[in-house]
Amino acid sequence: VNHGAPSDPLRHVGDLGNIEVGQDGVARIDGIDHYLSLVGVRGAIGRALVIHEKADDLGRGGTEESLKTGTAGARVACGVIGFL
């Protein structure tokens, strides 16, 4: 399966698209995903969320790297998804 956009019928489970950060440095994610869930085989709990240095081209860059990673550049931050 190739890298893609959240709306693509076939994509990596973790392909969540681009997240914009406000002037205050805060990013909010609010949405529904038909592949990803909180728990189970495709569950997000206990998995990593990775922030890259560039915008994700959603697999439409016309290169092999685009189909693998979205040509989003280096990983600049990450964390494990959990709940309290």
PDB file of N, CA and C in Angstrom:
ATOM      1  N   VAL A   1       0.852  -1.175   0.000  1.00  0.00           N
ATOM      2  CA  VAL A   1       0.000   0.000   0.000  1.00  0.00           C
ATOM      3  C   VAL A   1       0.895   1.233   0.000  1.00  0.00           C
ATOM      4  N   ASN A   2       0.534   2.232  -0.790  1.00  0.00           N
ATOM      5  CA  ASN A   2       1.300   3.472  -0.868  1.00  0.00           C
ATOM      6  C   ASN A   2       0.815   4.505   0.141  1.00  0.00           C
ATOM      7  N   HIS A   3       1.657   5.493   0.361  1.00  0.00           N
ATOM      8  CA  HIS A   3       1.327   6.640   1.196  1.00  0.00           C
ATOM      9  C   HIS A   3       0.189   7.410   0.535  1.00  0.00           C
ATOM     10  N   GLY A   4      -0.667   8.044   1.327  1.00  0.00           N
ATOM     11  CA  GLY A   4      -1.779   8.778   0.739  1.00  0.00           C
ATOM     12  C   GLY A   4      -2.419   9.766   1.688  1.00  0.00           C
ATOM     13  N   ALA A   5      -3.541  10.299   1.264  1.00  0.00           N
ATOM     14  CA  ALA A   5      -4.314  11.268   2.041  1.00  0.00           C
ATOM     15  C   ALA A   5      -5.355  10.536   2.883  1.00  0.00           C
ATOM     16  N   PRO A   6      -5.852  11.175   3.942  1.00  0.00           N
ATOM     17  CA  PRO A   6      -6.883  10.544   4.766  1.00  0.00           C
ATOM     18  C   PRO A   6      -8.120  10.121   3.972  1.00  0.00           C
ATOM     19  N   SER A   7      -8.411  10.802   2.891  1.00  0.00           N
ATOM     20  CA  SER A   7      -9.599  10.488   2.087  1.00  0.00           C
ATOM     21  C   SER A   7      -9.360   9.407   1.037  1.00  0.00           C
ATOM     22  N   ASP A   8      -8.116   8.957   0.863  1.00  0.00           N
ATOM     23  CA  ASP A   8      -7.815   7.934  -0.139  1.00  0.00           C
ATOM     24  C   ASP A   8      -8.352   6.570   0.297  1.00  0.00           C
ATOM     25  N   PRO A   9      -8.902   5.791  -0.636  1.00  0.00           N
ATOM     26  CA  PRO A   9      -9.450   4.482  -0.271  1.00  0.00           C
ATOM     27  C   PRO A   9      -8.382   3.480   0.181  1.00  0.00           C
ATOM     28  N   LEU A  10      -7.158   3.597  -0.341  1.00  0.00           N
ATOM     29  CA  LEU A  10      -6.037   2.749   0.080  1.00  0.00           C
ATOM     30  C   LEU A  10      -4.892   3.653   0.502  1.00  0.00           C
ATOM     31  N   ARG A  11      -4.393   3.442   1.724  1.00  0.00           N
ATOM     32  CA  ARG A  11      -3.293   4.241   2.263  1.00  0.00           C
ATOM     33  C   ARG A  11      -2.773   3.555   3.510  1.00  0.00           C
ATOM     34  N   HIS A  12      -1.648   4.043   4.028  1.00  0.00           N
ATOM     35  CA  HIS A  12      -1.162   3.556   5.319  1.00  0.00           C
ATOM     36  C   HIS A  12      -2.155   3.979   6.399  1.00  0.00           C
ATOM     37  N   VAL A  13      -2.350   3.172   7.397  1.00  0.00           N
ATOM     38  CA  VAL A  13      -3.297   3.495   8.470  1.00  0.00           C
ATOM     39  C   VAL A  13      -2.945   4.828   9.122  1.00  0.00           C
ATOM     40  N   GLY A  14      -1.673   5.112   9.296  1.00  0.00           N
ATOM     41  CA  GLY A  14      -1.247   6.332   9.972  1.00  0.00           C
ATOM     42  C   GLY A  14      -1.181   7.574   9.115  1.00  0.00           C
ATOM     43  N   ASP A  15      -1.605   7.511   7.866  1.00  0.00           N
ATOM     44  CA  ASP A  15      -1.575   8.691   6.995  1.00  0.00           C
ATOM     45  C   ASP A  15      -2.728   9.619   7.364  1.00  0.00           C
ATOM     46  N   LEU A  16      -2.441  10.564   8.244  1.00  0.00           N
ATOM     47  CA  LEU A  16      -3.484  11.432   8.784  1.00  0.00           C
ATOM     48  C   LEU A  16      -3.507  12.819   8.153  1.00  0.00           C
ATOM     49  N   GLY A  17      -2.664  13.052   7.151  1.00  0.00           N
ATOM     50  CA  GLY A  17      -2.659  14.350   6.481  1.00  0.00           C
ATOM     51  C   GLY A  17      -1.820  15.370   7.226  1.00  0.00           C
ATOM     52  N   ASN A  18      -1.988  16.633   6.840  1.00  0.00           N
ATOM     53  CA  ASN A  18      -1.212  17.723   7.421  1.00  0.00           C
ATOM     54  C   ASN A  18      -1.959  18.361   8.581  1.00  0.00           C
ATOM     55  N   ILE A  19      -1.206  18.721   9.586  1.00  0.00           N
ATOM     56  CA  ILE A  19      -1.742  19.375  10.773  1.00  0.00           C
ATOM     57  C   ILE A  19      -1.136  20.773  10.821  1.00  0.00           C
ATOM     58  N   GLU A  20      -1.960  21.783  10.970  1.00  0.00           N
ATOM     59  CA  GLU A  20      -1.453  23.148  11.037  1.00  0.00           C
ATOM     60  C   GLU A  20      -1.303  23.582  12.488  1.00  0.00           C
ATOM     61  N   VAL A  21      -0.210  24.281  12.746  1.00  0.00           N
ATOM     62  CA  VAL A  21       0.082  24.792  14.078  1.00  0.00           C
ATOM     63  C   VAL A  21      -0.204  26.285  14.090  1.00  0.00           C
ATOM     64  N   GLY A  22      -0.918  26.743  15.107  1.00  0.00           N
ATOM     65  CA  GLY A  22      -1.248  28.156  15.228  1.00  0.00           C
ATOM     66  C   GLY A  22      -0.063  28.996  15.669  1.00  0.00           C
ATOM     67  N   GLN A  23      -0.233  30.312  15.658  1.00  0.00           N
ATOM     68  CA  GLN A  23       0.816  31.235  16.097  1.00  0.00           C
ATOM     69  C   GLN A  23       1.224  30.964  17.543  1.00  0.00           C
ATOM     70  N   ASP A  24       0.321  30.392  18.323  1.00  0.00           N
ATOM     71  CA  ASP A  24       0.609  30.084  19.724  1.00  0.00           C
ATOM     72  C   ASP A  24       1.387  28.780  19.897  1.00  0.00           C
ATOM     73  N   GLY A  25       1.696  28.102  18.773  1.00  0.00           N
ATOM     74  CA  GLY A  25       2.445  26.857  18.824  1.00  0.00           C
ATOM     75  C   GLY A  25       1.613  25.634  19.140  1.00  0.00           C
ATOM     76  N   VAL A  26       0.296  25.776  19.141  1.00  0.00           N
ATOM     77  CA  VAL A  26      -0.605  24.674  19.475  1.00  0.00           C
ATOM     78  C   VAL A  26      -1.234  24.113  18.204  1.00  0.00           C
ATOM     79  N   ALA A  27      -1.241  22.795  18.091  1.00  0.00           N
ATOM     80  CA  ALA A  27      -1.910  22.111  16.981  1.00  0.00           C
ATOM     81  C   ALA A  27      -3.064  21.296  17.547  1.00  0.00           C
ATOM     82  N   ARG A  28      -4.193  21.361  16.900  1.00  0.00           N
ATOM     83  CA  ARG A  28      -5.359  20.584  17.339  1.00  0.00           C
ATOM     84  C   ARG A  28      -5.771  19.646  16.207  1.00  0.00           C
ATOM     85  N   ILE A  29      -6.084  18.430  16.584  1.00  0.00           N
ATOM     86  CA  ILE A  29      -6.528  17.431  15.619  1.00  0.00           C
ATOM     87  C   ILE A  29      -7.955  17.055  15.979  1.00  0.00           C
ATOM     88  N   ASP A  30      -8.852  17.206  15.041  1.00  0.00           N
ATOM     89  CA  ASP A  30     -10.256  16.879  15.273  1.00  0.00           C
ATOM     90  C   ASP A  30     -10.802  16.288  13.980  1.00  0.00           C
ATOM     91  N   GLY A  31     -11.192  15.037  14.008  1.00  0.00           N
ATOM     92  CA  GLY A  31     -11.699  14.434  12.787  1.00  0.00           C
ATOM     93  C   GLY A  31     -12.126  12.997  12.988  1.00  0.00           C
ATOM     94  N   ILE A  32     -12.614  12.432  11.926  1.00  0.00           N
ATOM     95  CA  ILE A  32     -13.046  11.036  11.906  1.00  0.00           C
ATOM     96  C   ILE A  32     -12.198  10.317  10.873  1.00  0.00           C
ATOM     97  N   ASP A  33     -11.714   9.139  11.227  1.00  0.00           N
ATOM     98  CA  ASP A  33     -10.914   8.355  10.301  1.00  0.00           C
ATOM     99  C   ASP A  33     -11.522   6.962  10.202  1.00  0.00           C
ATOM    100  N   HIS A  34     -11.701   6.476   8.983  1.00  0.00           N
ATOM    101  CA  HIS A  34     -12.347   5.179   8.772  1.00  0.00           C
ATOM    102  C   HIS A  34     -11.385   4.000   8.887  1.00  0.00           C
ATOM    103  N   TYR A  35     -10.062   4.258   8.967  1.00  0.00           N
ATOM    104  CA  TYR A  35      -9.085   3.190   9.160  1.00  0.00           C
ATOM    105  C   TYR A  35      -8.617   3.108  10.602  1.00  0.00           C
ATOM    106  N   LEU A  36      -8.373   4.249  11.201  1.00  0.00           N
ATOM    107  CA  LEU A  36      -7.771   4.319  12.523  1.00  0.00           C
ATOM    108  C   LEU A  36      -8.834   4.312  13.616  1.00  0.00           C
ATOM    109  N   SER A  37      -8.556   3.610  14.696  1.00  0.00           N
ATOM    110  CA  SER A  37      -9.447   3.629  15.859  1.00  0.00           C
ATOM    111  C   SER A  37      -8.582   3.864  17.097  1.00  0.00           C
ATOM    112  N   LEU A  38      -9.191   4.018  18.240  1.00  0.00           N
ATOM    113  CA  LEU A  38      -8.414   4.200  19.466  1.00  0.00           C
ATOM    114  C   LEU A  38      -7.803   2.898  19.952  1.00  0.00           C
ATOM    115  N   VAL A  39      -8.532   1.783  19.818  1.00  0.00           N
ATOM    116  CA  VAL A  39      -8.061   0.489  20.306  1.00  0.00           C
ATOM    117  C   VAL A  39      -8.210  -0.555  19.208  1.00  0.00           C
ATOM    118  N   GLY A  40      -7.611  -1.715  19.414  1.00  0.00           N
ATOM    119  CA  GLY A  40      -7.728  -2.803  18.453  1.00  0.00           C
ATOM    120  C   GLY A  40      -6.531  -2.881  17.522  1.00  0.00           C
ATOM    121  N   VAL A  41      -6.650  -3.692  16.485  1.00  0.00           N
ATOM    122  CA  VAL A  41      -5.554  -3.932  15.546  1.00  0.00           C
ATOM    123  C   VAL A  41      -5.050  -2.635  14.929  1.00  0.00           C
ATOM    124  N   ARG A  42      -5.939  -1.739  14.586  1.00  0.00           N
ATOM    125  CA  ARG A  42      -5.556  -0.444  14.014  1.00  0.00           C
ATOM    126  C   ARG A  42      -5.644   0.668  15.060  1.00  0.00           C
ATOM    127  N   GLY A  43      -5.497   0.305  16.302  1.00  0.00           N
ATOM    128  CA  GLY A  43      -5.652   1.258  17.393  1.00  0.00           C
ATOM    129  C   GLY A  43      -4.489   2.222  17.537  1.00  0.00           C
ATOM    130  N   ALA A  44      -4.797   3.451  17.913  1.00  0.00           N
ATOM    131  CA  ALA A  44      -3.797   4.498  18.083  1.00  0.00           C
ATOM    132  C   ALA A  44      -3.142   4.469  19.465  1.00  0.00           C
ATOM    133  N   ILE A  45      -3.848   3.998  20.483  1.00  0.00           N
ATOM    134  CA  ILE A  45      -3.311   3.998  21.839  1.00  0.00           C
ATOM    135  C   ILE A  45      -2.037   3.152  21.891  1.00  0.00           C
ATOM    136  N   GLY A  46      -0.984   3.743  22.418  1.00  0.00           N
ATOM    137  CA  GLY A  46       0.297   3.053  22.528  1.00  0.00           C
ATOM    138  C   GLY A  46       1.182   3.187  21.307  1.00  0.00           C
ATOM    139  N   ARG A  47       0.714   3.877  20.281  1.00  0.00           N
ATOM    140  CA  ARG A  47       1.518   4.076  19.069  1.00  0.00           C
ATOM    141  C   ARG A  47       2.095   5.486  19.052  1.00  0.00           C
ATOM    142  N   ALA A  48       3.046   5.698  18.165  1.00  0.00           N
ATOM    143  CA  ALA A  48       3.717   6.995  18.082  1.00  0.00           C
ATOM    144  C   ALA A  48       3.002   7.942  17.130  1.00  0.00           C
ATOM    145  N   LEU A  49       3.059   9.219  17.460  1.00  0.00           N
ATOM    146  CA  LEU A  49       2.650  10.292  16.566  1.00  0.00           C
ATOM    147  C   LEU A  49       3.935  11.031  16.222  1.00  0.00           C
ATOM    148  N   VAL A  50       4.246  11.147  14.933  1.00  0.00           N
ATOM    149  CA  VAL A  50       5.501  11.747  14.490  1.00  0.00           C
ATOM    150  C   VAL A  50       5.208  13.026  13.720  1.00  0.00           C
ATOM    151  N   ILE A  51       5.930  14.092  14.048  1.00  0.00           N
ATOM    152  CA  ILE A  51       5.813  15.369  13.358  1.00  0.00           C
ATOM    153  C   ILE A  51       7.037  15.519  12.461  1.00  0.00           C
ATOM    154  N   HIS A  52       6.800  15.849  11.192  1.00  0.00           N
ATOM    155  CA  HIS A  52       7.880  16.020  10.215  1.00  0.00           C
ATOM    156  C   HIS A  52       8.119  17.496   9.934  1.00  0.00           C
ATOM    157  N   GLU A  53       9.283  17.796   9.340  1.00  0.00           N
ATOM    158  CA  GLU A  53       9.670  19.187   9.121  1.00  0.00           C
ATOM    159  C   GLU A  53       8.927  19.876   7.981  1.00  0.00           C
ATOM    160  N   LYS A  54       8.400  19.132   7.027  1.00  0.00           N
ATOM    161  CA  LYS A  54       7.758  19.728   5.853  1.00  0.00           C
ATOM    162  C   LYS A  54       6.309  19.257   5.733  1.00  0.00           C
ATOM    163  N   ALA A  55       5.581  19.927   4.865  1.00  0.00           N
ATOM    164  CA  ALA A  55       4.219  19.491   4.547  1.00  0.00           C
ATOM    165  C   ALA A  55       4.272  18.154   3.821  1.00  0.00           C
ATOM    166  N   ASP A  56       3.316  17.310   4.073  1.00  0.00           N
ATOM    167  CA  ASP A  56       3.172  16.005   3.434  1.00  0.00           C
ATOM    168  C   ASP A  56       2.527  16.213   2.066  1.00  0.00           C
ATOM    169  N   ASP A  57       3.143  15.665   1.015  1.00  0.00           N
ATOM    170  CA  ASP A  57       2.545  15.803  -0.326  1.00  0.00           C
ATOM    171  C   ASP A  57       1.470  14.753  -0.591  1.00  0.00           C
ATOM    172  N   LEU A  58       1.154  13.956   0.422  1.00  0.00           N
ATOM    173  CA  LEU A  58       0.064  12.971   0.394  1.00  0.00           C
ATOM    174  C   LEU A  58       0.235  11.910  -0.690  1.00  0.00           C
ATOM    175  N   GLY A  59       1.494  11.634  -1.045  1.00  0.00           N
ATOM    176  CA  GLY A  59       1.780  10.609  -2.042  1.00  0.00           C
ATOM    177  C   GLY A  59       1.577  11.055  -3.473  1.00  0.00           C
ATOM    178  N   ARG A  60       1.451  12.369  -3.680  1.00  0.00           N
ATOM    179  CA  ARG A  60       1.174  12.889  -5.016  1.00  0.00           C
ATOM    180  C   ARG A  60       2.362  13.634  -5.628  1.00  0.00           C
ATOM    181  N   GLY A  61       3.561  13.410  -5.090  1.00  0.00           N
ATOM    182  CA  GLY A  61       4.744  14.128  -5.556  1.00  0.00           C
ATOM    183  C   GLY A  61       5.390  13.560  -6.802  1.00  0.00           C
ATOM    184  N   GLY A  62       4.936  12.397  -7.256  1.00  0.00           N
ATOM    185  CA  GLY A  62       5.476  11.815  -8.481  1.00  0.00           C
ATOM    186  C   GLY A  62       6.823  11.131  -8.319  1.00  0.00           C
ATOM    187  N   THR A  63       7.232  10.834  -7.083  1.00  0.00           N
ATOM    188  CA  THR A  63       8.494  10.143  -6.852  1.00  0.00           C
ATOM    189  C   THR A  63       8.260   8.911  -5.983  1.00  0.00           C
ATOM    190  N   GLU A  64       9.255   8.033  -5.983  1.00  0.00           N
ATOM    191  CA  GLU A  64       9.171   6.837  -5.139  1.00  0.00           C
ATOM    192  C   GLU A  64       9.107   7.226  -3.657  1.00  0.00           C
ATOM    193  N   GLU A  65       9.882   8.235  -3.270  1.00  0.00           N
ATOM    194  CA  GLU A  65       9.875   8.692  -1.874  1.00  0.00           C
ATOM    195  C   GLU A  65       8.507   9.237  -1.478  1.00  0.00           C
ATOM    196  N   SER A  66       7.848   9.921  -2.390  1.00  0.00           N
ATOM    197  CA  SER A  66       6.504  10.447  -2.128  1.00  0.00           C
ATOM    198  C   SER A  66       5.531   9.319  -1.820  1.00  0.00           C
ATOM    199  N   LEU A  67       5.647   8.217  -2.539  1.00  0.00           N
ATOM    200  CA  LEU A  67       4.754   7.076  -2.316  1.00  0.00           C
ATOM    201  C   LEU A  67       5.044   6.362  -0.997  1.00  0.00           C
ATOM    202  N   LYS A  68       6.268   6.535  -0.460  1.00  0.00           N
ATOM    203  CA  LYS A  68       6.622   5.907   0.819  1.00  0.00           C
ATOM    204  C   LYS A  68       6.349   6.819   2.009  1.00  0.00           C
ATOM    205  N   THR A  69       6.725   8.103   1.892  1.00  0.00           N
ATOM    206  CA  THR A  69       6.715   8.988   3.065  1.00  0.00           C
ATOM    207  C   THR A  69       5.978  10.306   2.868  1.00  0.00           C
ATOM    208  N   GLY A  70       5.556  10.608   1.649  1.00  0.00           N
ATOM    209  CA  GLY A  70       4.935  11.910   1.397  1.00  0.00           C
ATOM    210  C   GLY A  70       5.957  13.024   1.297  1.00  0.00           C
ATOM    211  N   THR A  71       7.242  12.654   1.209  1.00  0.00           N
ATOM    212  CA  THR A  71       8.347  13.609   1.105  1.00  0.00           C
ATOM    213  C   THR A  71       8.235  14.694   2.179  1.00  0.00           C
ATOM    214  N   ALA A  72       7.925  14.289   3.391  1.00  0.00           N
ATOM    215  CA  ALA A  72       7.680  15.232   4.485  1.00  0.00           C
ATOM    216  C   ALA A  72       8.942  15.633   5.239  1.00  0.00           C
ATOM    217  N   GLY A  73      10.080  15.114   4.858  1.00  0.00           N
ATOM    218  CA  GLY A  73      11.330  15.529   5.487  1.00  0.00           C
ATOM    219  C   GLY A  73      11.633  14.798   6.782  1.00  0.00           C
ATOM    220  N   ALA A  74      12.555  15.386   7.513  1.00  0.00           N
ATOM    221  CA  ALA A  74      13.049  14.771   8.750  1.00  0.00           C
ATOM    222  C   ALA A  74      11.983  14.757   9.840  1.00  0.00           C
ATOM    223  N   ARG A  75      12.136  13.819  10.732  1.00  0.00           N
ATOM    224  CA  ARG A  75      11.262  13.761  11.913  1.00  0.00           C
ATOM    225  C   ARG A  75      11.783  14.779  12.921  1.00  0.00           C
ATOM    226  N   VAL A  76      10.909  15.670  13.383  1.00  0.00           N
ATOM    227  CA  VAL A  76      11.351  16.718  14.308  1.00  0.00           C
ATOM    228  C   VAL A  76      10.787  16.547  15.719  1.00  0.00           C
ATOM    229  N   ALA A  77       9.734  15.768  15.877  1.00  0.00           N
ATOM    230  CA  ALA A  77       9.155  15.525  17.202  1.00  0.00           C
ATOM    231  C   ALA A  77       8.316  14.259  17.151  1.00  0.00           C
ATOM    232  N   CYS A  78       8.182  13.611  18.298  1.00  0.00           N
ATOM    233  CA  CYS A  78       7.315  12.440  18.363  1.00  0.00           C
ATOM    234  C   CYS A  78       6.864  12.223  19.802  1.00  0.00           C
ATOM    235  N   GLY A  79       5.843  11.437  19.938  1.00  0.00           N
ATOM    236  CA  GLY A  79       5.336  11.090  21.255  1.00  0.00           C
ATOM    237  C   GLY A  79       4.450   9.869  21.149  1.00  0.00           C
ATOM    238  N   VAL A  80       4.171   9.246  22.272  1.00  0.00           N
ATOM    239  CA  VAL A  80       3.311   8.070  22.299  1.00  0.00           C
ATOM    240  C   VAL A  80       1.895   8.507  22.669  1.00  0.00           C
ATOM    241  N   ILE A  81       0.921   8.003  21.933  1.00  0.00           N
ATOM    242  CA  ILE A  81      -0.483   8.342  22.166  1.00  0.00           C
ATOM    243  C   ILE A  81      -1.000   7.535  23.353  1.00  0.00           C
ATOM    244  N   GLY A  82      -1.611   8.209  24.274  1.00  0.00           N
ATOM    245  CA  GLY A  82      -2.163   7.556  25.453  1.00  0.00           C
ATOM    246  C   GLY A  82      -3.370   8.321  25.949  1.00  0.00           C
ATOM    247  N   PHE A  83      -3.904   7.891  27.065  1.00  0.00           N
ATOM    248  CA  PHE A  83      -5.000   8.628  27.684  1.00  0.00           C
ATOM    249  C   PHE A  83      -4.892   8.482  29.193  1.00  0.00           C
ATOM    250  N   LEU A  84      -5.447   9.440  29.895  1.00  0.00           N
ATOM    251  CA  LEU A  84      -5.386   9.438  31.365  1.00  0.00           C
ATOM    252  C   LEU A  84      -6.732   9.105  31.946  1.00  0.00           C
TER     253      LEU A  84
END
